[in-house]
Structures are given as C-alpha cells and as structure tokens.
C-alpha cells in the first residue's frame, strides 16, 4: 500500500499529469453516460440484417455467464495491475473513451439488426441490482472484444498473452451466442489498436511540450 501511495504521489507532483488524469477521467465518465443513452436510441431503429455464413452454420449457445465472468474478471484484474502504472491507466481511459465515441459513430451510420437465432446477452450483475432493457442492436463493432483488446495493449508485457487469450475466448463466445456478426468481432481489435496508438501519441506529445 505504501508503494502504491508513493507511486501516485510522485505522479501527481507533475501538473500536466494531474490535469490529464482529471480531464481524461471526466471525459470517460461523460462518454459512458452519453453512450448509455445512445444505445437506447439505437434499439428503437430498424436496421439491416447481414448475411453471415459462419453464424448460419450452427445454432446459438448460451454462454452469458462465462462471457461476463471473463469480461468482469479481466476488467478488475487489469485495474489491479494498472493502478501501479498511472501513465498507462490514463492512456487506457483516453483510448477507451475514444473507442466508445467511434463505436457510437459507426452504430449511428450503420444501423444493424441482430443475427437470426441470437441469444440476447443479459448482464447478470445489472439485472441483480435492477431491471435493465436487454440490448440487441449495439452491434458494429463488438464492444466486448474491443474493450478486452484495449486491456491487452495496456497491461505490462508479462500479462499481455493472458489478456490476449481472454480477448480471443470472449470473441469466440460472443459469436457462438450469435451476439455479434463475424465482421463486428474482426474489426474490433483494429479499432482498439488505433485508439490506443492515438492516445499514446497524444500523451507523449503532451509530456514533451
């Protein structure tokens, strides 16, 4: 605990870091609030149903609990790791906010209907604390895959393959449950990489100013 306190005290000694941390955290919160309202709008629109030969080859399998155990477990574990790396945590905040904004743009521009035979992904934790409408049209691109890939890029090198493996497992699981089209999953890591690269570059430019 003392080590953690020292790490953050040293980080907050720099005014640029203090400002960046507070601004990025604020932007992240605002982005998530906007996204929660935006997906309700998306659910009301009619969209296009894609022809996906891979999904058409099998019946959906309900993997809700394994998916959320992997996702929430990865998020908690990553935050425990990254709390010792303030710079990487700030970059993650910025990259995630950017990824969510890009996802909103894509969903607005490309309204899609869910695949045939989809088993809706009902968040067991959200439902435990209160009722929430199940989302089915927040499709392009896969937020679960993109989020875990961002965590994979953010954690220290010794943990990367573990998080990459979780990303792959979740990507396969959401396809088996037919929550997403194949294209949703394939595009997600590319978007995450671009967001992480841009956030890292912006941070370096800010530090060197």
C-alpha atoms as a PDB file:
ATOM      1  CA  UNK A   1       0.000   0.000   0.000  1.00  0.00           C
ATOM      2  CA  UNK A   2       2.838   2.377   0.837  1.00  0.00           C
ATOM      3  CA  UNK A   3       4.381   1.681  -2.559  1.00  0.00           C
ATOM      4  CA  UNK A   4       1.106   2.492  -4.283  1.00  0.00           C
ATOM      5  CA  UNK A   5       0.743   5.759  -2.379  1.00  0.00           C
ATOM      6  CA  UNK A   6       4.298   6.761  -3.293  1.00  0.00           C
ATOM      7  CA  UNK A   7       3.706   5.947  -6.977  1.00  0.00           C
ATOM      8  CA  UNK A   8       0.637   8.196  -7.153  1.00  0.00           C
ATOM      9  CA  UNK A   9       2.218  10.953  -5.071  1.00  0.00           C
ATOM     10  CA  UNK A  10       5.140  11.064  -7.494  1.00  0.00           C
ATOM     11  CA  UNK A  11       2.777  11.048 -10.490  1.00  0.00           C
ATOM     12  CA  UNK A  12       0.672  13.900  -9.102  1.00  0.00           C
ATOM     13  CA  UNK A  13       3.742  16.020  -8.496  1.00  0.00           C
ATOM     14  CA  UNK A  14       3.591  16.834 -12.203  1.00  0.00           C
ATOM     15  CA  UNK A  15       0.911  19.373 -13.062  1.00  0.00           C
ATOM     16  CA  UNK A  16       0.489  18.018 -16.603  1.00  0.00           C
ATOM     17  CA  UNK A  17      -0.293  14.558 -15.254  1.00  0.00           C
ATOM     18  CA  UNK A  18      -2.764  15.903 -12.692  1.00  0.00           C
ATOM     19  CA  UNK A  19      -4.639  17.821 -15.366  1.00  0.00           C
ATOM     20  CA  UNK A  20      -4.538  14.953 -17.852  1.00  0.00           C
ATOM     21  CA  UNK A  21      -5.753  12.424 -15.284  1.00  0.00           C
ATOM     22  CA  UNK A  22      -8.681  14.549 -14.122  1.00  0.00           C
ATOM     23  CA  UNK A  23      -9.701  15.603 -17.642  1.00  0.00           C
ATOM     24  CA  UNK A  24      -9.442  12.078 -19.091  1.00  0.00           C
ATOM     25  CA  UNK A  25     -11.422  10.593 -16.195  1.00  0.00           C
ATOM     26  CA  UNK A  26     -14.114  13.271 -16.579  1.00  0.00           C
ATOM     27  CA  UNK A  27     -14.325  12.704 -20.344  1.00  0.00           C
ATOM     28  CA  UNK A  28     -14.583   8.946 -19.791  1.00  0.00           C
ATOM     29  CA  UNK A  29     -17.498   9.334 -17.377  1.00  0.00           C
ATOM     30  CA  UNK A  30     -19.339  11.762 -19.693  1.00  0.00           C
ATOM     31  CA  UNK A  31     -18.740   9.457 -22.661  1.00  0.00           C
ATOM     32  CA  UNK A  32     -20.161   6.453 -20.834  1.00  0.00           C
ATOM     33  CA  UNK A  33     -23.239   8.417 -19.738  1.00  0.00           C
ATOM     34  CA  UNK A  34     -23.833   9.546 -23.321  1.00  0.00           C
ATOM     35  CA  UNK A  35     -23.319   6.014 -24.599  1.00  0.00           C
ATOM     36  CA  UNK A  36     -25.868   4.586 -22.155  1.00  0.00           C
ATOM     37  CA  UNK A  37     -28.463   6.977 -23.588  1.00  0.00           C
ATOM     38  CA  UNK A  38     -27.351   6.498 -27.178  1.00  0.00           C
ATOM     39  CA  UNK A  39     -27.830   2.717 -27.186  1.00  0.00           C
ATOM     40  CA  UNK A  40     -31.449   3.211 -26.133  1.00  0.00           C
ATOM     41  CA  UNK A  41     -31.918   5.294 -29.298  1.00  0.00           C
ATOM     42  CA  UNK A  42     -30.198   2.583 -31.355  1.00  0.00           C
ATOM     43  CA  UNK A  43     -32.608  -0.058 -30.060  1.00  0.00           C
ATOM     44  CA  UNK A  44     -35.585   1.862 -31.489  1.00  0.00           C
ATOM     45  CA  UNK A  45     -34.263   1.981 -35.064  1.00  0.00           C
ATOM     46  CA  UNK A  46     -34.797  -0.529 -37.831  1.00  0.00           C
ATOM     47  CA  UNK A  47     -31.556  -1.891 -39.183  1.00  0.00           C
ATOM     48  CA  UNK A  48     -30.114  -4.178 -41.806  1.00  0.00           C
ATOM     49  CA  UNK A  49     -29.578  -7.882 -41.155  1.00  0.00           C
ATOM     50  CA  UNK A  50     -26.267  -9.100 -42.567  1.00  0.00           C
ATOM     51  CA  UNK A  51     -25.771 -12.423 -44.285  1.00  0.00           C
ATOM     52  CA  UNK A  52     -23.170 -14.272 -42.213  1.00  0.00           C
ATOM     53  CA  UNK A  53     -22.318 -17.792 -43.491  1.00  0.00           C
ATOM     54  CA  UNK A  54     -20.392 -18.639 -40.318  1.00  0.00           C
ATOM     55  CA  UNK A  55     -23.295 -17.876 -37.979  1.00  0.00           C
ATOM     56  CA  UNK A  56     -25.744 -19.631 -40.279  1.00  0.00           C
ATOM     57  CA  UNK A  57     -23.819 -22.899 -39.834  1.00  0.00           C
ATOM     58  CA  UNK A  58     -24.860 -23.574 -36.210  1.00  0.00           C
ATOM     59  CA  UNK A  59     -27.407 -22.854 -33.505  1.00  0.00           C
ATOM     60  CA  UNK A  60     -26.567 -20.303 -30.821  1.00  0.00           C
ATOM     61  CA  UNK A  61     -25.155 -21.441 -27.473  1.00  0.00           C
ATOM     62  CA  UNK A  62     -25.940 -19.549 -24.277  1.00  0.00           C
ATOM     63  CA  UNK A  63     -22.581 -18.501 -22.821  1.00  0.00           C
ATOM     64  CA  UNK A  64     -23.788 -15.469 -20.867  1.00  0.00           C
ATOM     65  CA  UNK A  65     -22.180 -16.366 -17.560  1.00  0.00           C
ATOM     66  CA  UNK A  66     -18.780 -17.418 -18.970  1.00  0.00           C
ATOM     67  CA  UNK A  67     -18.686 -14.234 -21.067  1.00  0.00           C
ATOM     68  CA  UNK A  68     -19.366 -11.929 -18.143  1.00  0.00           C
ATOM     69  CA  UNK A  69     -17.062 -13.806 -15.785  1.00  0.00           C
ATOM     70  CA  UNK A  70     -14.246 -13.331 -18.301  1.00  0.00           C
ATOM     71  CA  UNK A  71     -15.116  -9.684 -19.003  1.00  0.00           C
ATOM     72  CA  UNK A  72     -15.614  -8.503 -15.425  1.00  0.00           C
ATOM     73  CA  UNK A  73     -12.743 -10.638 -14.191  1.00  0.00           C
ATOM     74  CA  UNK A  74     -10.431  -9.146 -16.821  1.00  0.00           C
ATOM     75  CA  UNK A  75     -11.501  -5.565 -16.032  1.00  0.00           C
ATOM     76  CA  UNK A  76     -10.982  -5.991 -12.277  1.00  0.00           C
ATOM     77  CA  UNK A  77      -7.661  -7.776 -12.732  1.00  0.00           C
ATOM     78  CA  UNK A  78      -6.404  -5.199 -15.238  1.00  0.00           C
ATOM     79  CA  UNK A  79      -7.299  -2.303 -12.920  1.00  0.00           C
ATOM     80  CA  UNK A  80      -5.496  -4.002 -10.032  1.00  0.00           C
ATOM     81  CA  UNK A  81      -2.412  -4.251 -12.243  1.00  0.00           C
ATOM     82  CA  UNK A  82      -2.646  -0.801 -13.816  1.00  0.00           C
ATOM     83  CA  UNK A  83      -3.196   1.059 -10.554  1.00  0.00           C
ATOM     84  CA  UNK A  84       0.562   0.695 -10.142  1.00  0.00           C
ATOM     85  CA  UNK A  85       1.102   2.295 -13.583  1.00  0.00           C
ATOM     86  CA  UNK A  86      -0.596   5.738 -13.559  1.00  0.00           C
ATOM     87  CA  UNK A  87       0.531   6.693 -17.054  1.00  0.00           C
ATOM     88  CA  UNK A  88      -0.822   3.519 -18.654  1.00  0.00           C
ATOM     89  CA  UNK A  89      -4.066   3.913 -16.727  1.00  0.00           C
ATOM     90  CA  UNK A  90      -4.570   7.437 -18.072  1.00  0.00           C
ATOM     91  CA  UNK A  91      -3.808   6.290 -21.615  1.00  0.00           C
ATOM     92  CA  UNK A  92      -6.344   3.480 -21.167  1.00  0.00           C
ATOM     93  CA  UNK A  93      -9.009   5.973 -20.035  1.00  0.00           C
ATOM     94  CA  UNK A  94      -8.397   8.128 -23.107  1.00  0.00           C
ATOM     95  CA  UNK A  95      -8.230   5.209 -25.535  1.00  0.00           C
ATOM     96  CA  UNK A  96     -11.421   3.689 -24.147  1.00  0.00           C
ATOM     97  CA  UNK A  97     -13.332   6.982 -24.360  1.00  0.00           C
ATOM     98  CA  UNK A  98     -12.177   7.396 -27.972  1.00  0.00           C
ATOM     99  CA  UNK A  99     -13.157   3.824 -28.789  1.00  0.00           C
ATOM    100  CA  UNK A 100     -16.660   4.361 -27.387  1.00  0.00           C
ATOM    101  CA  UNK A 101     -17.075   7.568 -29.401  1.00  0.00           C
ATOM    102  CA  UNK A 102     -16.006   5.811 -32.600  1.00  0.00           C
ATOM    103  CA  UNK A 103     -18.380   2.968 -31.823  1.00  0.00           C
ATOM    104  CA  UNK A 104     -21.239   5.437 -31.439  1.00  0.00           C
ATOM    105  CA  UNK A 105     -20.419   6.944 -34.827  1.00  0.00           C
ATOM    106  CA  UNK A 106     -20.394   3.534 -36.505  1.00  0.00           C
ATOM    107  CA  UNK A 107     -23.658   2.459 -34.871  1.00  0.00           C
ATOM    108  CA  UNK A 108     -25.310   5.708 -35.917  1.00  0.00           C
ATOM    109  CA  UNK A 109     -24.082   5.396 -39.508  1.00  0.00           C
ATOM    110  CA  UNK A 110     -24.663   1.627 -39.831  1.00  0.00           C
ATOM    111  CA  UNK A 111     -27.914   0.558 -38.110  1.00  0.00           C
ATOM    112  CA  UNK A 112     -27.991  -3.230 -37.900  1.00  0.00           C
ATOM    113  CA  UNK A 113     -30.497  -5.830 -36.746  1.00  0.00           C
ATOM    114  CA  UNK A 114     -29.173  -8.778 -34.712  1.00  0.00           C
ATOM    115  CA  UNK A 115     -28.293 -12.115 -36.308  1.00  0.00           C
ATOM    116  CA  UNK A 116     -31.023 -14.738 -36.679  1.00  0.00           C
ATOM    117  CA  UNK A 117     -31.101 -17.025 -33.652  1.00  0.00           C
ATOM    118  CA  UNK A 118     -29.266 -14.582 -31.375  1.00  0.00           C
ATOM    119  CA  UNK A 119     -29.443 -15.309 -27.643  1.00  0.00           C
ATOM    120  CA  UNK A 120     -29.503 -11.829 -26.033  1.00  0.00           C
ATOM    121  CA  UNK A 121     -26.641 -11.146 -23.660  1.00  0.00           C
ATOM    122  CA  UNK A 122     -28.331 -10.336 -20.352  1.00  0.00           C
ATOM    123  CA  UNK A 123     -25.897  -8.813 -17.899  1.00  0.00           C
ATOM    124  CA  UNK A 124     -26.429 -10.855 -14.686  1.00  0.00           C
ATOM    125  CA  UNK A 125     -24.882  -8.160 -12.483  1.00  0.00           C
ATOM    126  CA  UNK A 126     -27.047  -5.352 -13.895  1.00  0.00           C
ATOM    127  CA  UNK A 127     -30.150  -7.491 -13.534  1.00  0.00           C
ATOM    128  CA  UNK A 128     -29.217  -8.351  -9.943  1.00  0.00           C
ATOM    129  CA  UNK A 129     -29.161  -4.684  -8.931  1.00  0.00           C
ATOM    130  CA  UNK A 130     -32.149  -3.623 -11.024  1.00  0.00           C
ATOM    131  CA  UNK A 131     -34.052  -4.190 -14.254  1.00  0.00           C
ATOM    132  CA  UNK A 132     -32.445  -3.072 -17.469  1.00  0.00           C
ATOM    133  CA  UNK A 133     -33.570  -3.417 -21.061  1.00  0.00           C
ATOM    134  CA  UNK A 134     -31.547  -6.036 -22.894  1.00  0.00           C
ATOM    135  CA  UNK A 135     -29.649  -4.569 -25.819  1.00  0.00           C
ATOM    136  CA  UNK A 136     -29.610  -6.383 -29.150  1.00  0.00           C
ATOM    137  CA  UNK A 137     -28.624  -3.745 -31.723  1.00  0.00           C
ATOM    138  CA  UNK A 138     -25.357  -2.361 -30.312  1.00  0.00           C
ATOM    139  CA  UNK A 139     -23.567  -4.411 -32.924  1.00  0.00           C
ATOM    140  CA  UNK A 140     -20.870  -2.808 -35.062  1.00  0.00           C
ATOM    141  CA  UNK A 141     -18.328  -3.201 -33.669  1.00  0.00           C
ATOM    142  CA  UNK A 142     -18.038  -5.626 -30.728  1.00  0.00           C
ATOM    143  CA  UNK A 143     -17.531  -3.580 -27.579  1.00  0.00           C
ATOM    144  CA  UNK A 144     -16.605  -6.636 -25.520  1.00  0.00           C
ATOM    145  CA  UNK A 145     -13.838  -7.668 -27.904  1.00  0.00           C
ATOM    146  CA  UNK A 146     -12.593  -4.109 -28.312  1.00  0.00           C
ATOM    147  CA  UNK A 147     -12.517  -3.483 -24.557  1.00  0.00           C
ATOM    148  CA  UNK A 148     -10.537  -6.619 -23.742  1.00  0.00           C
ATOM    149  CA  UNK A 149      -8.108  -5.924 -26.573  1.00  0.00           C
ATOM    150  CA  UNK A 150      -7.520  -2.448 -25.120  1.00  0.00           C
ATOM    151  CA  UNK A 151      -6.741  -4.036 -21.765  1.00  0.00           C
ATOM    152  CA  UNK A 152      -4.309  -6.369 -23.524  1.00  0.00           C
ATOM    153  CA  UNK A 153      -2.461  -3.407 -25.005  1.00  0.00           C
ATOM    154  CA  UNK A 154      -2.401  -1.528 -21.691  1.00  0.00           C
ATOM    155  CA  UNK A 155      -1.107  -4.122 -19.222  1.00  0.00           C
ATOM    156  CA  UNK A 156       2.617  -4.872 -18.719  1.00  0.00           C
ATOM    157  CA  UNK A 157       4.288  -7.271 -21.128  1.00  0.00           C
ATOM    158  CA  UNK A 158       4.198 -10.319 -18.824  1.00  0.00           C
ATOM    159  CA  UNK A 159       0.389 -10.176 -18.692  1.00  0.00           C
ATOM    160  CA  UNK A 160      -0.309  -9.431 -22.352  1.00  0.00           C
ATOM    161  CA  UNK A 161      -0.717 -13.016 -23.585  1.00  0.00           C
ATOM    162  CA  UNK A 162      -3.121 -13.777 -20.748  1.00  0.00           C
ATOM    163  CA  UNK A 163      -5.344 -10.856 -21.758  1.00  0.00           C
ATOM    164  CA  UNK A 164      -4.960 -11.601 -25.470  1.00  0.00           C
ATOM    165  CA  UNK A 165      -6.146 -15.155 -24.718  1.00  0.00           C
ATOM    166  CA  UNK A 166      -9.159 -13.803 -22.827  1.00  0.00           C
ATOM    167  CA  UNK A 167      -9.921 -11.473 -25.738  1.00  0.00           C
ATOM    168  CA  UNK A 168      -9.863 -14.399 -28.161  1.00  0.00           C
ATOM    169  CA  UNK A 169     -12.050 -16.514 -25.852  1.00  0.00           C
ATOM    170  CA  UNK A 170     -14.649 -13.746 -25.475  1.00  0.00           C
ATOM    171  CA  UNK A 171     -14.618 -13.091 -29.240  1.00  0.00           C
ATOM    172  CA  UNK A 172     -15.386 -16.753 -29.926  1.00  0.00           C
ATOM    173  CA  UNK A 173     -18.015 -16.848 -27.182  1.00  0.00           C
ATOM    174  CA  UNK A 174     -19.996 -13.843 -28.478  1.00  0.00           C
ATOM    175  CA  UNK A 175     -20.010 -15.446 -31.920  1.00  0.00           C
ATOM    176  CA  UNK A 176     -21.207 -18.796 -30.558  1.00  0.00           C
ATOM    177  CA  UNK A 177     -24.034 -16.972 -28.799  1.00  0.00           C
ATOM    178  CA  UNK A 178     -24.664 -15.014 -32.017  1.00  0.00           C
ATOM    179  CA  UNK A 179     -24.480 -11.703 -30.179  1.00  0.00           C
ATOM    180  CA  UNK A 180     -22.385 -10.245 -32.999  1.00  0.00           C
ATOM    181  CA  UNK A 181     -21.659 -10.812 -36.652  1.00  0.00           C
ATOM    182  CA  UNK A 182     -18.177 -12.022 -37.546  1.00  0.00           C
ATOM    183  CA  UNK A 183     -17.297  -8.614 -39.019  1.00  0.00           C
ATOM    184  CA  UNK A 184     -18.140  -6.959 -35.670  1.00  0.00           C
ATOM    185  CA  UNK A 185     -15.533  -9.081 -33.931  1.00  0.00           C
ATOM    186  CA  UNK A 186     -12.858  -8.872 -36.635  1.00  0.00           C
ATOM    187  CA  UNK A 187     -12.933  -5.072 -36.798  1.00  0.00           C
ATOM    188  CA  UNK A 188     -12.898  -4.518 -33.016  1.00  0.00           C
ATOM    189  CA  UNK A 189      -9.166  -5.195 -32.339  1.00  0.00           C
ATOM    190  CA  UNK A 190      -8.125  -2.924 -35.217  1.00  0.00           C
ATOM    191  CA  UNK A 191     -10.198  -0.035 -33.832  1.00  0.00           C
ATOM    192  CA  UNK A 192      -8.825  -0.637 -30.336  1.00  0.00           C
ATOM    193  CA  UNK A 193      -5.253  -0.608 -31.612  1.00  0.00           C
ATOM    194  CA  UNK A 194      -5.821   2.688 -33.443  1.00  0.00           C
ATOM    195  CA  UNK A 195      -7.391   4.264 -30.351  1.00  0.00           C
ATOM    196  CA  UNK A 196      -4.566   3.095 -28.110  1.00  0.00           C
ATOM    197  CA  UNK A 197      -1.954   4.324 -30.588  1.00  0.00           C
ATOM    198  CA  UNK A 198      -3.584   7.756 -30.844  1.00  0.00           C
ATOM    199  CA  UNK A 199      -3.972   8.069 -27.072  1.00  0.00           C
ATOM    200  CA  UNK A 200      -0.323   7.062 -26.540  1.00  0.00           C
ATOM    201  CA  UNK A 201       0.894   9.546 -29.139  1.00  0.00           C
ATOM    202  CA  UNK A 202      -1.205  12.339 -27.667  1.00  0.00           C
ATOM    203  CA  UNK A 203       0.180  11.596 -24.206  1.00  0.00           C
ATOM    204  CA  UNK A 204       3.774  11.685 -25.440  1.00  0.00           C
ATOM    205  CA  UNK A 205       3.191  14.988 -27.234  1.00  0.00           C
ATOM    206  CA  UNK A 206       1.630  16.476 -24.081  1.00  0.00           C
ATOM    207  CA  UNK A 207       4.506  15.325 -21.881  1.00  0.00           C
ATOM    208  CA  UNK A 208       7.140  16.685 -24.277  1.00  0.00           C
ATOM    209  CA  UNK A 209       5.540  20.114 -24.651  1.00  0.00           C
END
